[in-house]
PDB file of N, CA and C in Angstrom:
ATOM      1  N   MET A   1     -34.683  36.616  -6.757  1.00  0.00           N
ATOM      2  CA  MET A   1     -33.992  37.013  -5.554  1.00  0.00           C
ATOM      3  C   MET A   1     -33.571  35.768  -4.796  1.00  0.00           C
ATOM      4  N   PHE A   2     -32.445  35.829  -4.158  1.00  0.00           N
ATOM      5  CA  PHE A   2     -31.950  34.735  -3.345  1.00  0.00           C
ATOM      6  C   PHE A   2     -31.993  35.162  -1.888  1.00  0.00           C
ATOM      7  N   LYS A   3     -32.564  34.327  -1.044  1.00  0.00           N
ATOM      8  CA  LYS A   3     -32.641  34.595   0.391  1.00  0.00           C
ATOM      9  C   LYS A   3     -31.995  33.442   1.123  1.00  0.00           C
ATOM     10  N   ASP A   4     -30.912  33.731   1.818  1.00  0.00           N
ATOM     11  CA  ASP A   4     -30.241  32.735   2.641  1.00  0.00           C
ATOM     12  C   ASP A   4     -30.879  32.806   4.017  1.00  0.00           C
ATOM     13  N   ARG A   5     -31.790  31.887   4.305  1.00  0.00           N
ATOM     14  CA  ARG A   5     -32.543  31.935   5.558  1.00  0.00           C
ATOM     15  C   ARG A   5     -31.690  31.593   6.774  1.00  0.00           C
ATOM     16  N   LYS A   6     -30.641  30.773   6.608  1.00  0.00           N
ATOM     17  CA  LYS A   6     -29.792  30.427   7.751  1.00  0.00           C
ATOM     18  C   LYS A   6     -28.956  31.612   8.207  1.00  0.00           C
ATOM     19  N   ARG A   7     -28.425  32.368   7.247  1.00  0.00           N
ATOM     20  CA  ARG A   7     -27.585  33.522   7.588  1.00  0.00           C
ATOM     21  C   ARG A   7     -28.376  34.819   7.599  1.00  0.00           C
ATOM     22  N   ASP A   8     -29.657  34.730   7.293  1.00  0.00           N
ATOM     23  CA  ASP A   8     -30.552  35.881   7.243  1.00  0.00           C
ATOM     24  C   ASP A   8     -30.012  36.978   6.330  1.00  0.00           C
ATOM     25  N   ARG A   9     -29.618  36.573   5.119  1.00  0.00           N
ATOM     26  CA  ARG A   9     -29.122  37.522   4.127  1.00  0.00           C
ATOM     27  C   ARG A   9     -30.023  37.481   2.901  1.00  0.00           C
ATOM     28  N   THR A  10     -30.320  38.669   2.395  1.00  0.00           N
ATOM     29  CA  THR A  10     -31.094  38.792   1.170  1.00  0.00           C
ATOM     30  C   THR A  10     -30.265  39.574   0.175  1.00  0.00           C
ATOM     31  N   ARG A  11     -30.334  39.150  -1.093  1.00  0.00           N
ATOM     32  CA  ARG A  11     -29.607  39.872  -2.125  1.00  0.00           C
ATOM     33  C   ARG A  11     -30.581  40.268  -3.229  1.00  0.00           C
ATOM     34  N   PRO A  12     -31.493  41.191  -2.938  1.00  0.00           N
ATOM     35  CA  PRO A  12     -32.497  41.548  -3.930  1.00  0.00           C
ATOM     36  C   PRO A  12     -31.976  42.438  -5.051  1.00  0.00           C
ATOM     37  N   ALA A  13     -30.989  43.274  -4.781  1.00  0.00           N
ATOM     38  CA  ALA A  13     -30.538  44.239  -5.779  1.00  0.00           C
ATOM     39  C   ALA A  13     -29.629  43.613  -6.824  1.00  0.00           C
ATOM     40  N   LYS A  14     -28.882  42.628  -6.442  1.00  0.00           N
ATOM     41  CA  LYS A  14     -27.940  41.999  -7.361  1.00  0.00           C
ATOM     42  C   LYS A  14     -28.582  40.763  -7.981  1.00  0.00           C
ATOM     43  N   ARG A  15     -28.520  40.687  -9.291  1.00  0.00           N
ATOM     44  CA  ARG A  15     -29.036  39.490  -9.970  1.00  0.00           C
ATOM     45  C   ARG A  15     -28.079  38.343  -9.730  1.00  0.00           C
ATOM     46  N   ILE A  16     -28.647  37.201  -9.400  1.00  0.00           N
ATOM     47  CA  ILE A  16     -27.860  36.013  -9.107  1.00  0.00           C
ATOM     48  C   ILE A  16     -28.261  34.935 -10.086  1.00  0.00           C
ATOM     49  N   LYS A  17     -27.265  34.266 -10.644  1.00  0.00           N
ATOM     50  CA  LYS A  17     -27.548  33.155 -11.544  1.00  0.00           C
ATOM     51  C   LYS A  17     -27.804  31.916 -10.705  1.00  0.00           C
ATOM     52  N   LEU A  18     -28.844  31.198 -11.053  1.00  0.00           N
ATOM     53  CA  LEU A  18     -29.226  30.013 -10.301  1.00  0.00           C
ATOM     54  C   LEU A  18     -28.090  29.005 -10.225  1.00  0.00           C
ATOM     55  N   GLY A  19     -27.364  28.838 -11.310  1.00  0.00           N
ATOM     56  CA  GLY A  19     -26.240  27.904 -11.327  1.00  0.00           C
ATOM     57  C   GLY A  19     -25.179  28.253 -10.299  1.00  0.00           C
ATOM     58  N   GLU A  20     -24.952  29.558 -10.068  1.00  0.00           N
ATOM     59  CA  GLU A  20     -23.972  29.990  -9.065  1.00  0.00           C
ATOM     60  C   GLU A  20     -24.398  29.556  -7.664  1.00  0.00           C
ATOM     61  N   VAL A  21     -25.672  29.639  -7.384  1.00  0.00           N
ATOM     62  CA  VAL A  21     -26.181  29.235  -6.071  1.00  0.00           C
ATOM     63  C   VAL A  21     -26.064  27.721  -5.908  1.00  0.00           C
ATOM     64  N   LEU A  22     -26.470  26.984  -6.946  1.00  0.00           N
ATOM     65  CA  LEU A  22     -26.437  25.523  -6.863  1.00  0.00           C
ATOM     66  C   LEU A  22     -25.019  24.969  -6.790  1.00  0.00           C
ATOM     67  N   ASP A  23     -24.041  25.720  -7.307  1.00  0.00           N
ATOM     68  CA  ASP A  23     -22.649  25.273  -7.285  1.00  0.00           C
ATOM     69  C   ASP A  23     -21.918  25.595  -5.990  1.00  0.00           C
ATOM     70  N   LYS A  24     -22.536  26.363  -5.101  1.00  0.00           N
ATOM     71  CA  LYS A  24     -21.886  26.682  -3.825  1.00  0.00           C
ATOM     72  C   LYS A  24     -21.670  25.394  -3.037  1.00  0.00           C
ATOM     73  N   PRO A  25     -20.493  25.233  -2.425  1.00  0.00           N
ATOM     74  CA  PRO A  25     -20.217  23.999  -1.675  1.00  0.00           C
ATOM     75  C   PRO A  25     -21.255  23.697  -0.595  1.00  0.00           C
ATOM     76  N   GLU A  26     -21.752  24.727   0.099  1.00  0.00           N
ATOM     77  CA  GLU A  26     -22.731  24.490   1.160  1.00  0.00           C
ATOM     78  C   GLU A  26     -24.071  24.028   0.602  1.00  0.00           C
ATOM     79  N   ILE A  27     -24.336  24.296  -0.666  1.00  0.00           N
ATOM     80  CA  ILE A  27     -25.560  23.820  -1.310  1.00  0.00           C
ATOM     81  C   ILE A  27     -25.320  22.466  -1.958  1.00  0.00           C
ATOM     82  N   GLU A  28     -24.284  22.402  -2.784  1.00  0.00           N
ATOM     83  CA  GLU A  28     -24.023  21.226  -3.596  1.00  0.00           C
ATOM     84  C   GLU A  28     -23.774  19.964  -2.775  1.00  0.00           C
ATOM     85  N   GLY A  29     -23.099  20.085  -1.651  1.00  0.00           N
ATOM     86  CA  GLY A  29     -22.720  18.890  -0.912  1.00  0.00           C
ATOM     87  C   GLY A  29     -23.475  18.633   0.371  1.00  0.00           C
ATOM     88  N   ASN A  30     -24.542  19.356   0.622  1.00  0.00           N
ATOM     89  CA  ASN A  30     -25.205  19.238   1.924  1.00  0.00           C
ATOM     90  C   ASN A  30     -26.716  19.102   1.822  1.00  0.00           C
ATOM     91  N   TYR A  31     -27.185  18.135   1.069  1.00  0.00           N
ATOM     92  CA  TYR A  31     -28.625  17.883   0.986  1.00  0.00           C
ATOM     93  C   TYR A  31     -29.066  17.143   2.228  1.00  0.00           C
ATOM     94  N   PRO A  32     -30.309  17.281   2.668  1.00  0.00           N
ATOM     95  CA  PRO A  32     -31.445  17.922   2.010  1.00  0.00           C
ATOM     96  C   PRO A  32     -31.470  19.434   2.258  1.00  0.00           C
ATOM     97  N   HIS A  33     -32.236  20.142   1.399  1.00  0.00           N
ATOM     98  CA  HIS A  33     -32.467  21.575   1.523  1.00  0.00           C
ATOM     99  C   HIS A  33     -33.971  21.820   1.460  1.00  0.00           C
ATOM    100  N   THR A  34     -34.378  22.897   2.086  1.00  0.00           N
ATOM    101  CA  THR A  34     -35.759  23.334   1.962  1.00  0.00           C
ATOM    102  C   THR A  34     -35.779  24.473   0.956  1.00  0.00           C
ATOM    103  N   VAL A  35     -36.615  24.362  -0.051  1.00  0.00           N
ATOM    104  CA  VAL A  35     -36.758  25.416  -1.053  1.00  0.00           C
ATOM    105  C   VAL A  35     -38.203  25.879  -1.057  1.00  0.00           C
ATOM    106  N   GLY A  36     -38.381  27.139  -1.400  1.00  0.00           N
ATOM    107  CA  GLY A  36     -39.730  27.676  -1.414  1.00  0.00           C
ATOM    108  C   GLY A  36     -39.962  28.616  -2.565  1.00  0.00           C
ATOM    109  N   PHE A  37     -41.204  28.724  -2.952  1.00  0.00           N
ATOM    110  CA  PHE A  37     -41.649  29.655  -3.969  1.00  0.00           C
ATOM    111  C   PHE A  37     -42.592  30.615  -3.268  1.00  0.00           C
ATOM    112  N   TYR A  38     -42.356  31.918  -3.416  1.00  0.00           N
ATOM    113  CA  TYR A  38     -43.150  32.893  -2.681  1.00  0.00           C
ATOM    114  C   TYR A  38     -43.495  34.087  -3.552  1.00  0.00           C
ATOM    115  N   LYS A  39     -44.473  34.865  -3.091  1.00  0.00           N
ATOM    116  CA  LYS A  39     -44.885  36.079  -3.779  1.00  0.00           C
ATOM    117  C   LYS A  39     -43.788  37.131  -3.625  1.00  0.00           C
ATOM    118  N   VAL A  40     -43.508  37.831  -4.693  1.00  0.00           N
ATOM    119  CA  VAL A  40     -42.475  38.864  -4.662  1.00  0.00           C
ATOM    120  C   VAL A  40     -42.907  40.047  -3.795  1.00  0.00           C
ATOM    121  N   SER A  41     -44.165  40.317  -3.707  1.00  0.00           N
ATOM    122  CA  SER A  41     -44.671  41.479  -2.973  1.00  0.00           C
ATOM    123  C   SER A  41     -44.754  41.244  -1.469  1.00  0.00           C
ATOM    124  N   SER A  42     -43.851  40.427  -0.927  1.00  0.00           N
ATOM    125  CA  SER A  42     -43.919  40.073   0.486  1.00  0.00           C
ATOM    126  C   SER A  42     -43.174  41.035   1.405  1.00  0.00           C
ATOM    127  N   GLY A  43     -42.687  42.148   0.892  1.00  0.00           N
ATOM    128  CA  GLY A  43     -41.963  43.107   1.705  1.00  0.00           C
ATOM    129  C   GLY A  43     -40.530  43.230   1.255  1.00  0.00           C
ATOM    130  N   LYS A  44     -39.814  44.145   1.877  1.00  0.00           N
ATOM    131  CA  LYS A  44     -38.417  44.386   1.509  1.00  0.00           C
ATOM    132  C   LYS A  44     -37.592  44.587   2.766  1.00  0.00           C
ATOM    133  N   GLY A  45     -36.285  44.381   2.629  1.00  0.00           N
ATOM    134  CA  GLY A  45     -35.359  44.643   3.715  1.00  0.00           C
ATOM    135  C   GLY A  45     -35.699  43.875   4.972  1.00  0.00           C
ATOM    136  N   ALA A  46     -35.656  44.593   6.096  1.00  0.00           N
ATOM    137  CA  ALA A  46     -35.893  43.962   7.399  1.00  0.00           C
ATOM    138  C   ALA A  46     -37.321  43.431   7.524  1.00  0.00           C
ATOM    139  N   SER A  47     -38.252  43.995   6.751  1.00  0.00           N
ATOM    140  CA  SER A  47     -39.641  43.555   6.849  1.00  0.00           C
ATOM    141  C   SER A  47     -39.955  42.385   5.917  1.00  0.00           C
ATOM    142  N   PHE A  48     -38.930  41.825   5.270  1.00  0.00           N
ATOM    143  CA  PHE A  48     -39.144  40.746   4.317  1.00  0.00           C
ATOM    144  C   PHE A  48     -39.597  39.483   5.032  1.00  0.00           C
ATOM    145  N   LYS A  49     -40.854  39.134   4.852  1.00  0.00           N
ATOM    146  CA  LYS A  49     -41.420  37.904   5.392  1.00  0.00           C
ATOM    147  C   LYS A  49     -42.213  37.263   4.263  1.00  0.00           C
ATOM    148  N   PRO A  50     -41.585  36.317   3.564  1.00  0.00           N
ATOM    149  CA  PRO A  50     -42.235  35.775   2.375  1.00  0.00           C
ATOM    150  C   PRO A  50     -43.526  35.037   2.659  1.00  0.00           C
ATOM    151  N   GLU A  51     -44.485  35.212   1.756  1.00  0.00           N
ATOM    152  CA  GLU A  51     -45.737  34.455   1.781  1.00  0.00           C
ATOM    153  C   GLU A  51     -45.523  33.263   0.863  1.00  0.00           C
ATOM    154  N   TYR A  52     -45.137  32.154   1.446  1.00  0.00           N
ATOM    155  CA  TYR A  52     -44.812  30.983   0.640  1.00  0.00           C
ATOM    156  C   TYR A  52     -46.053  30.385   0.006  1.00  0.00           C
ATOM    157  N   LEU A  53     -45.948  30.147  -1.302  1.00  0.00           N
ATOM    158  CA  LEU A  53     -47.008  29.469  -2.030  1.00  0.00           C
ATOM    159  C   LEU A  53     -46.759  27.968  -2.005  1.00  0.00           C
ATOM    160  N   GLU A  54     -45.490  27.603  -1.915  1.00  0.00           N
ATOM    161  CA  GLU A  54     -45.142  26.187  -1.825  1.00  0.00           C
ATOM    162  C   GLU A  54     -43.750  26.043  -1.224  1.00  0.00           C
ATOM    163  N   LEU A  55     -43.603  25.065  -0.353  1.00  0.00           N
ATOM    164  CA  LEU A  55     -42.314  24.691   0.232  1.00  0.00           C
ATOM    165  C   LEU A  55     -42.070  23.219  -0.043  1.00  0.00           C
ATOM    166  N   ARG A  56     -40.811  22.879  -0.280  1.00  0.00           N
ATOM    167  CA  ARG A  56     -40.455  21.474  -0.496  1.00  0.00           C
ATOM    168  C   ARG A  56     -39.089  21.191   0.088  1.00  0.00           C
ATOM    169  N   ILE A  57     -38.925  19.988   0.580  1.00  0.00           N
ATOM    170  CA  ILE A  57     -37.609  19.503   0.983  1.00  0.00           C
ATOM    171  C   ILE A  57     -37.087  18.680  -0.182  1.00  0.00           C
ATOM    172  N   ILE A  58     -35.893  19.042  -0.640  1.00  0.00           N
ATOM    173  CA  ILE A  58     -35.311  18.332  -1.776  1.00  0.00           C
ATOM    174  C   ILE A  58     -34.075  17.570  -1.325  1.00  0.00           C
ATOM    175  N   GLN A  59     -33.874  16.414  -1.923  1.00  0.00           N
ATOM    176  CA  GLN A  59     -32.754  15.544  -1.573  1.00  0.00           C
ATOM    177  C   GLN A  59     -31.626  15.606  -2.598  1.00  0.00           C
ATOM    178  N   THR A  60     -31.942  16.051  -3.829  1.00  0.00           N
ATOM    179  CA  THR A  60     -30.955  16.095  -4.910  1.00  0.00           C
ATOM    180  C   THR A  60     -31.231  17.307  -5.794  1.00  0.00           C
ATOM    181  N   VAL A  61     -30.241  17.662  -6.606  1.00  0.00           N
ATOM    182  CA  VAL A  61     -30.432  18.768  -7.544  1.00  0.00           C
ATOM    183  C   VAL A  61     -31.510  18.417  -8.567  1.00  0.00           C
ATOM    184  N   GLU A  62     -31.640  17.145  -8.902  1.00  0.00           N
ATOM    185  CA  GLU A  62     -32.684  16.730  -9.832  1.00  0.00           C
ATOM    186  C   GLU A  62     -34.075  17.009  -9.262  1.00  0.00           C
ATOM    187  N   GLU A  63     -34.255  16.774  -7.960  1.00  0.00           N
ATOM    188  CA  GLU A  63     -35.538  17.089  -7.320  1.00  0.00           C
ATOM    189  C   GLU A  63     -35.806  18.585  -7.356  1.00  0.00           C
ATOM    190  N   PHE A  64     -34.754  19.390  -7.244  1.00  0.00           N
ATOM    191  CA  PHE A  64     -34.915  20.841  -7.321  1.00  0.00           C
ATOM    192  C   PHE A  64     -35.426  21.248  -8.695  1.00  0.00           C
ATOM    193  N   TRP A  65     -34.832  20.669  -9.763  1.00  0.00           N
ATOM    194  CA  TRP A  65     -35.281  20.983 -11.123  1.00  0.00           C
ATOM    195  C   TRP A  65     -36.728  20.523 -11.328  1.00  0.00           C
ATOM    196  N   MET A  66     -37.101  19.391 -10.748  1.00  0.00           N
ATOM    197  CA  MET A  66     -38.490  18.937 -10.839  1.00  0.00           C
ATOM    198  C   MET A  66     -39.422  19.914 -10.147  1.00  0.00           C
ATOM    199  N   PHE A  67     -38.982  20.476  -9.016  1.00  0.00           N
ATOM    200  CA  PHE A  67     -39.751  21.494  -8.295  1.00  0.00           C
ATOM    201  C   PHE A  67     -39.971  22.705  -9.189  1.00  0.00           C
ATOM    202  N   LEU A  68     -38.911  23.187  -9.838  1.00  0.00           N
ATOM    203  CA  LEU A  68     -39.051  24.348 -10.727  1.00  0.00           C
ATOM    204  C   LEU A  68     -39.957  24.031 -11.907  1.00  0.00           C
ATOM    205  N   ASN A  69     -39.816  22.848 -12.473  1.00  0.00           N
ATOM    206  CA  ASN A  69     -40.663  22.461 -13.597  1.00  0.00           C
ATOM    207  C   ASN A  69     -42.130  22.377 -13.181  1.00  0.00           C
ATOM    208  N   ALA A  70     -42.379  21.893 -11.984  1.00  0.00           N
ATOM    209  CA  ALA A  70     -43.753  21.805 -11.490  1.00  0.00           C
ATOM    210  C   ALA A  70     -44.374  23.192 -11.311  1.00  0.00           C
ATOM    211  N   LEU A  71     -43.525  24.180 -11.006  1.00  0.00           N
ATOM    212  CA  LEU A  71     -44.001  25.545 -10.855  1.00  0.00           C
ATOM    213  C   LEU A  71     -44.139  26.243 -12.201  1.00  0.00           C
ATOM    214  N   ASP A  72     -43.656  25.595 -13.249  1.00  0.00           N
ATOM    215  CA  ASP A  72     -43.685  26.135 -14.607  1.00  0.00           C
ATOM    216  C   ASP A  72     -42.848  27.391 -14.718  1.00  0.00           C
ATOM    217  N   ILE A  73     -41.656  27.333 -14.148  1.00  0.00           N
ATOM    218  CA  ILE A  73     -40.729  28.476 -14.199  1.00  0.00           C
ATOM    219  C   ILE A  73     -39.711  28.232 -15.293  1.00  0.00           C
TER     220      ILE A  73
END
């Protein structure tokens, strides 16, 4: 699931390819970003408040891939 925390939009029903998110101009050209890994069972819709297991500030797309690799995803 992708959650845009700045615009407060969640897209849980539609599958999103990670590459599509990373290629967005607002993502690709505007580092740093805060990324998080959270439990899926954190609620739905308006009650969605993720229980973050880990948060990281990333400076490059390479750091993002290292974050995913560290999570073993």
